[in-house]
N, C-alpha and C. Protein backbone atom coordinates (compact mmCIF):
# COMPACT_ATOMS: atom_id res chain seq x y z
N UNK A 1 84.29 102.79 102.76
CA UNK A 1 85.72 102.96 102.92
C UNK A 1 86.48 102.33 101.77
N UNK A 2 86.07 101.16 101.32
CA UNK A 2 86.73 100.49 100.22
C UNK A 2 85.90 100.62 98.96
N UNK A 3 86.57 100.50 97.81
CA UNK A 3 85.86 100.59 96.54
C UNK A 3 84.77 99.53 96.48
N UNK A 4 83.61 99.93 95.99
CA UNK A 4 82.51 99.00 95.88
C UNK A 4 81.93 99.07 94.49
N UNK A 5 81.38 97.98 94.03
CA UNK A 5 80.74 97.91 92.73
C UNK A 5 79.58 96.94 92.83
N UNK A 6 78.48 97.29 92.21
CA UNK A 6 77.34 96.40 92.19
C UNK A 6 77.66 95.25 91.26
N UNK A 7 77.55 94.03 91.76
CA UNK A 7 77.90 92.85 90.96
C UNK A 7 76.97 91.71 91.34
N UNK A 8 76.19 91.24 90.42
CA UNK A 8 75.32 90.11 90.67
C UNK A 8 74.35 90.34 91.80
N UNK A 9 73.91 91.58 92.00
CA UNK A 9 72.95 91.88 93.04
C UNK A 9 73.56 92.08 94.41
N UNK A 10 74.88 92.07 94.52
CA UNK A 10 75.53 92.20 95.82
C UNK A 10 76.51 93.36 95.77
N UNK A 11 76.49 94.20 96.79
CA UNK A 11 77.50 95.25 96.90
C UNK A 11 78.74 94.59 97.48
N UNK A 12 79.84 94.68 96.74
CA UNK A 12 81.06 94.00 97.16
C UNK A 12 82.07 94.98 97.74
N UNK A 13 82.69 94.62 98.82
CA UNK A 13 83.79 95.36 99.42
C UNK A 13 85.07 94.79 98.80
N UNK A 14 85.88 95.64 98.20
CA UNK A 14 87.07 95.18 97.47
C UNK A 14 88.02 94.39 98.38
N UNK A 15 88.24 94.88 99.59
CA UNK A 15 89.14 94.17 100.50
C UNK A 15 88.56 92.80 100.85
N UNK A 16 87.27 92.74 101.09
CA UNK A 16 86.62 91.47 101.41
C UNK A 16 86.74 90.50 100.24
N UNK A 17 86.55 91.01 99.04
CA UNK A 17 86.65 90.17 97.84
C UNK A 17 88.04 89.56 97.70
N UNK A 18 89.06 90.40 97.84
CA UNK A 18 90.44 89.95 97.64
C UNK A 18 90.91 89.03 98.76
N UNK A 19 90.44 89.27 99.98
CA UNK A 19 90.90 88.46 101.11
C UNK A 19 89.96 87.31 101.44
N UNK A 20 89.06 86.99 100.53
CA UNK A 20 88.22 85.80 100.72
C UNK A 20 89.11 84.57 100.58
N UNK A 21 88.54 83.42 100.73
CA UNK A 21 89.30 82.17 100.65
C UNK A 21 90.02 82.04 99.30
N UNK A 22 89.36 82.48 98.22
CA UNK A 22 89.97 82.42 96.88
C UNK A 22 89.40 83.55 96.03
N UNK A 23 90.26 84.26 95.34
CA UNK A 23 89.82 85.35 94.46
C UNK A 23 90.62 85.29 93.15
N UNK A 24 89.93 85.51 92.05
CA UNK A 24 90.56 85.58 90.72
C UNK A 24 90.17 86.94 90.16
N UNK A 25 91.15 87.74 89.77
CA UNK A 25 90.84 89.07 89.24
C UNK A 25 91.97 89.57 88.36
N UNK A 26 91.65 90.56 87.55
CA UNK A 26 92.60 91.19 86.65
C UNK A 26 92.71 92.67 87.00
N UNK A 27 93.92 93.18 87.04
CA UNK A 27 94.17 94.60 87.24
C UNK A 27 94.58 95.20 85.91
N UNK A 28 93.98 96.33 85.57
CA UNK A 28 94.35 97.03 84.34
C UNK A 28 94.73 98.46 84.69
N UNK A 29 95.92 98.86 84.27
CA UNK A 29 96.37 100.22 84.48
C UNK A 29 95.71 101.14 83.47
N UNK A 30 95.12 102.21 83.95
CA UNK A 30 94.53 103.20 83.04
C UNK A 30 95.60 104.07 82.42
N UNK A 31 96.79 104.06 82.98
CA UNK A 31 97.90 104.85 82.43
C UNK A 31 98.62 104.10 81.31
N UNK A 32 98.87 102.79 81.52
CA UNK A 32 99.67 102.03 80.55
C UNK A 32 98.88 100.98 79.78
N UNK A 33 97.65 100.71 80.20
CA UNK A 33 96.79 99.65 79.64
C UNK A 33 97.32 98.25 79.89
N UNK A 34 98.35 98.12 80.72
CA UNK A 34 98.87 96.80 81.08
C UNK A 34 97.83 96.05 81.91
N UNK A 35 97.70 94.76 81.65
CA UNK A 35 96.76 93.90 82.39
C UNK A 35 97.51 92.72 82.98
N UNK A 36 97.21 92.45 84.25
CA UNK A 36 97.77 91.29 84.93
C UNK A 36 96.65 90.57 85.65
N UNK A 37 96.59 89.25 85.51
CA UNK A 37 95.56 88.45 86.15
C UNK A 37 96.17 87.68 87.30
N UNK A 38 95.49 87.73 88.45
CA UNK A 38 96.00 87.13 89.67
C UNK A 38 94.99 86.15 90.26
N UNK A 39 95.52 85.21 91.00
CA UNK A 39 94.71 84.30 91.81
C UNK A 39 95.26 84.41 93.23
N UNK A 40 94.38 84.66 94.18
CA UNK A 40 94.78 84.81 95.58
C UNK A 40 94.09 83.71 96.38
N UNK A 41 94.87 82.94 97.14
CA UNK A 41 94.34 81.86 97.95
C UNK A 41 94.77 82.03 99.40
N UNK A 42 93.83 81.82 100.30
CA UNK A 42 94.09 81.91 101.74
C UNK A 42 94.44 80.53 102.28
N UNK A 43 95.54 80.47 103.04
CA UNK A 43 95.93 79.23 103.70
C UNK A 43 96.60 79.59 105.03
N UNK A 44 96.01 79.14 106.13
CA UNK A 44 96.57 79.35 107.47
C UNK A 44 96.92 80.81 107.77
N UNK A 45 96.02 81.73 107.43
CA UNK A 45 96.23 83.13 107.76
C UNK A 45 97.14 83.90 106.82
N UNK A 46 97.56 83.26 105.73
CA UNK A 46 98.42 83.91 104.74
C UNK A 46 97.76 83.78 103.38
N UNK A 47 97.78 84.88 102.63
CA UNK A 47 97.24 84.87 101.27
C UNK A 47 98.40 84.71 100.30
N UNK A 48 98.29 83.73 99.42
CA UNK A 48 99.32 83.46 98.43
C UNK A 48 98.85 83.98 97.08
N UNK A 49 99.72 84.69 96.39
CA UNK A 49 99.37 85.36 95.14
C UNK A 49 100.06 84.67 93.98
N UNK A 50 99.25 84.27 92.99
CA UNK A 50 99.76 83.68 91.76
C UNK A 50 99.43 84.60 90.60
N UNK A 51 100.31 84.65 89.63
CA UNK A 51 100.16 85.46 88.43
C UNK A 51 99.88 84.55 87.25
N UNK A 52 98.90 84.92 86.44
CA UNK A 52 98.59 84.13 85.24
C UNK A 52 99.64 84.45 84.18
N UNK A 53 100.28 83.39 83.68
CA UNK A 53 101.35 83.52 82.70
C UNK A 53 100.95 82.74 81.45
N UNK A 54 101.13 83.37 80.31
CA UNK A 54 100.78 82.73 79.04
C UNK A 54 102.03 82.23 78.34
N UNK A 55 101.96 80.98 77.87
CA UNK A 55 103.03 80.38 77.08
C UNK A 55 102.36 79.82 75.83
N UNK A 56 102.54 80.53 74.73
CA UNK A 56 101.85 80.11 73.51
C UNK A 56 100.35 80.20 73.70
N UNK A 57 99.65 79.11 73.51
CA UNK A 57 98.20 79.08 73.67
C UNK A 57 97.76 78.65 75.06
N UNK A 58 98.70 78.28 75.89
CA UNK A 58 98.37 77.78 77.22
C UNK A 58 98.67 78.84 78.28
N UNK A 59 97.91 78.75 79.37
CA UNK A 59 98.18 79.64 80.49
C UNK A 59 98.28 78.82 81.78
N UNK A 60 99.12 79.30 82.66
CA UNK A 60 99.30 78.69 83.97
C UNK A 60 99.42 79.81 84.99
N UNK A 61 99.32 79.47 86.24
CA UNK A 61 99.54 80.44 87.31
C UNK A 61 100.87 80.13 87.98
N UNK A 62 101.66 81.19 88.22
CA UNK A 62 102.94 81.04 88.90
C UNK A 62 102.93 81.88 90.17
N UNK A 63 103.44 81.32 91.23
CA UNK A 63 103.50 81.98 92.53
C UNK A 63 104.43 83.20 92.47
N UNK A 64 103.95 84.35 92.96
CA UNK A 64 104.81 85.54 92.96
C UNK A 64 105.07 86.09 94.36
N UNK A 65 104.19 85.77 95.32
CA UNK A 65 104.42 86.30 96.66
C UNK A 65 103.25 86.03 97.58
N UNK A 66 103.30 86.65 98.75
CA UNK A 66 102.26 86.43 99.76
C UNK A 66 102.03 87.72 100.54
N UNK A 67 100.89 87.77 101.22
CA UNK A 67 100.62 88.86 102.15
C UNK A 67 99.82 88.34 103.32
N UNK A 68 99.84 89.12 104.39
CA UNK A 68 99.06 88.77 105.58
C UNK A 68 98.05 89.89 105.81
N UNK A 69 97.50 89.99 107.02
CA UNK A 69 96.46 90.98 107.32
C UNK A 69 96.90 92.42 107.06
N UNK A 70 98.21 92.67 107.08
CA UNK A 70 98.71 94.02 106.82
C UNK A 70 98.66 94.41 105.34
N UNK A 71 98.32 93.47 104.47
CA UNK A 71 98.20 93.68 103.02
C UNK A 71 99.50 94.13 102.35
N UNK A 72 100.64 93.76 102.94
CA UNK A 72 101.94 94.08 102.34
C UNK A 72 102.39 92.87 101.54
N UNK A 73 102.53 93.03 100.23
CA UNK A 73 102.96 91.94 99.37
C UNK A 73 104.46 91.71 99.55
N UNK A 74 104.81 90.46 99.79
CA UNK A 74 106.20 90.08 100.00
C UNK A 74 106.59 88.98 99.02
N UNK A 75 107.82 89.03 98.56
CA UNK A 75 108.36 87.97 97.72
C UNK A 75 109.03 86.95 98.63
N UNK A 76 109.24 85.77 98.11
CA UNK A 76 109.98 84.75 98.85
C UNK A 76 110.97 84.10 97.88
N UNK A 77 111.75 83.19 98.39
CA UNK A 77 112.77 82.55 97.54
C UNK A 77 112.14 81.75 96.41
N UNK A 78 110.87 81.37 96.54
CA UNK A 78 110.21 80.60 95.49
C UNK A 78 109.36 81.46 94.56
N UNK A 79 109.41 82.78 94.71
CA UNK A 79 108.65 83.66 93.83
C UNK A 79 109.15 83.55 92.40
N UNK A 80 108.21 83.48 91.45
CA UNK A 80 108.57 83.33 90.04
C UNK A 80 109.06 84.62 89.41
N UNK A 81 108.76 85.76 90.03
CA UNK A 81 109.20 87.05 89.49
C UNK A 81 109.87 87.87 90.59
N UNK A 82 110.68 88.79 90.18
CA UNK A 82 111.37 89.68 91.11
C UNK A 82 110.39 90.74 91.61
N UNK A 83 110.60 91.24 92.82
CA UNK A 83 109.73 92.30 93.35
C UNK A 83 109.80 93.61 92.57
N UNK A 84 110.76 93.77 91.68
CA UNK A 84 110.86 95.01 90.91
C UNK A 84 110.13 94.93 89.56
N UNK A 85 109.58 93.77 89.22
CA UNK A 85 108.88 93.62 87.95
C UNK A 85 107.53 94.34 87.98
N UNK A 86 107.04 94.79 86.83
CA UNK A 86 105.76 95.50 86.78
C UNK A 86 104.58 94.68 87.32
N UNK A 87 104.58 93.37 87.09
CA UNK A 87 103.47 92.56 87.57
C UNK A 87 103.44 92.42 89.08
N UNK A 88 104.59 92.39 89.72
CA UNK A 88 104.67 92.37 91.18
C UNK A 88 104.29 93.74 91.73
N UNK A 89 104.84 94.79 91.12
CA UNK A 89 104.56 96.16 91.56
C UNK A 89 103.09 96.53 91.41
N UNK A 90 102.43 96.02 90.36
CA UNK A 90 101.00 96.30 90.16
C UNK A 90 100.18 95.74 91.31
N UNK A 91 100.46 94.50 91.70
CA UNK A 91 99.74 93.90 92.82
C UNK A 91 100.06 94.61 94.13
N UNK A 92 101.30 94.98 94.30
CA UNK A 92 101.72 95.70 95.51
C UNK A 92 100.99 97.05 95.60
N UNK A 93 100.92 97.77 94.50
CA UNK A 93 100.22 99.05 94.45
C UNK A 93 98.74 98.85 94.77
N UNK A 94 98.14 97.83 94.18
CA UNK A 94 96.74 97.52 94.40
C UNK A 94 96.46 97.29 95.89
N UNK A 95 97.28 96.47 96.54
CA UNK A 95 97.08 96.19 97.96
C UNK A 95 97.30 97.42 98.82
N UNK A 96 98.27 98.24 98.45
CA UNK A 96 98.57 99.47 99.21
C UNK A 96 97.47 100.52 99.08
N UNK A 97 96.72 100.48 97.98
CA UNK A 97 95.70 101.50 97.70
C UNK A 97 94.29 100.90 97.60
N UNK A 98 94.08 99.77 98.20
CA UNK A 98 92.81 99.06 98.03
C UNK A 98 91.61 99.89 98.49
N UNK A 99 91.81 100.82 99.39
CA UNK A 99 90.72 101.68 99.85
C UNK A 99 90.49 102.90 98.98
N UNK A 100 91.42 103.19 98.08
CA UNK A 100 91.31 104.38 97.24
C UNK A 100 91.96 104.10 95.89
N UNK A 101 91.34 103.22 95.12
CA UNK A 101 91.91 102.81 93.84
C UNK A 101 91.71 103.90 92.79
N UNK A 102 92.82 104.38 92.28
CA UNK A 102 92.78 105.34 91.19
C UNK A 102 93.73 104.84 90.12
N UNK A 103 93.37 105.06 88.88
CA UNK A 103 94.20 104.66 87.73
C UNK A 103 94.28 103.15 87.55
N UNK A 104 93.42 102.39 88.26
CA UNK A 104 93.39 100.93 88.10
C UNK A 104 91.94 100.50 87.95
N UNK A 105 91.71 99.63 86.98
CA UNK A 105 90.40 99.00 86.83
C UNK A 105 90.57 97.56 87.30
N UNK A 106 89.63 97.08 88.10
CA UNK A 106 89.69 95.72 88.63
C UNK A 106 88.54 94.93 88.01
N UNK A 107 88.86 93.78 87.44
CA UNK A 107 87.87 92.90 86.85
C UNK A 107 87.87 91.58 87.61
N UNK A 108 86.68 90.98 87.78
CA UNK A 108 86.66 89.64 88.35
C UNK A 108 87.06 88.66 87.25
N UNK A 109 87.06 87.39 87.54
CA UNK A 109 87.54 86.38 86.58
C UNK A 109 86.78 86.39 85.26
N UNK A 110 85.54 86.87 85.26
CA UNK A 110 84.76 86.92 84.03
C UNK A 110 84.86 88.28 83.35
N UNK A 111 85.79 89.12 83.79
CA UNK A 111 86.04 90.45 83.27
C UNK A 111 84.86 91.40 83.48
N UNK A 112 84.16 91.23 84.58
CA UNK A 112 83.16 92.21 85.01
C UNK A 112 83.90 93.24 85.83
N UNK A 113 83.73 94.50 85.51
CA UNK A 113 84.43 95.55 86.24
C UNK A 113 83.94 95.60 87.67
N UNK A 114 84.87 95.62 88.63
CA UNK A 114 84.52 95.61 90.04
C UNK A 114 84.59 96.99 90.68
N UNK A 115 85.38 97.90 90.18
CA UNK A 115 85.48 99.21 90.84
C UNK A 115 85.04 100.31 89.93
């Protein structure tokens, strides 16, 4: 049902990977070649999404939103980006289409293609 890719000898379910306790991955649009790297952490039944942001030679993660079991990405007053930005929309699209990913390549933290 969900996109799967052989990785390290294990068949991975994309939804299971993303909704684990902690996931680091990059989404790449096949249409625009835009890449966004995210970190997802589970805390008390809510997954918090951080976006990797580069400042000069340094990178940090900034909170952009959260989702629950319904996989609907939501912004909050502390979100670092607006819900209309491409990086927020990319993650929202990914969660909405996690069972049928098209036009998106997903990489784990080491840039191994997952789908």
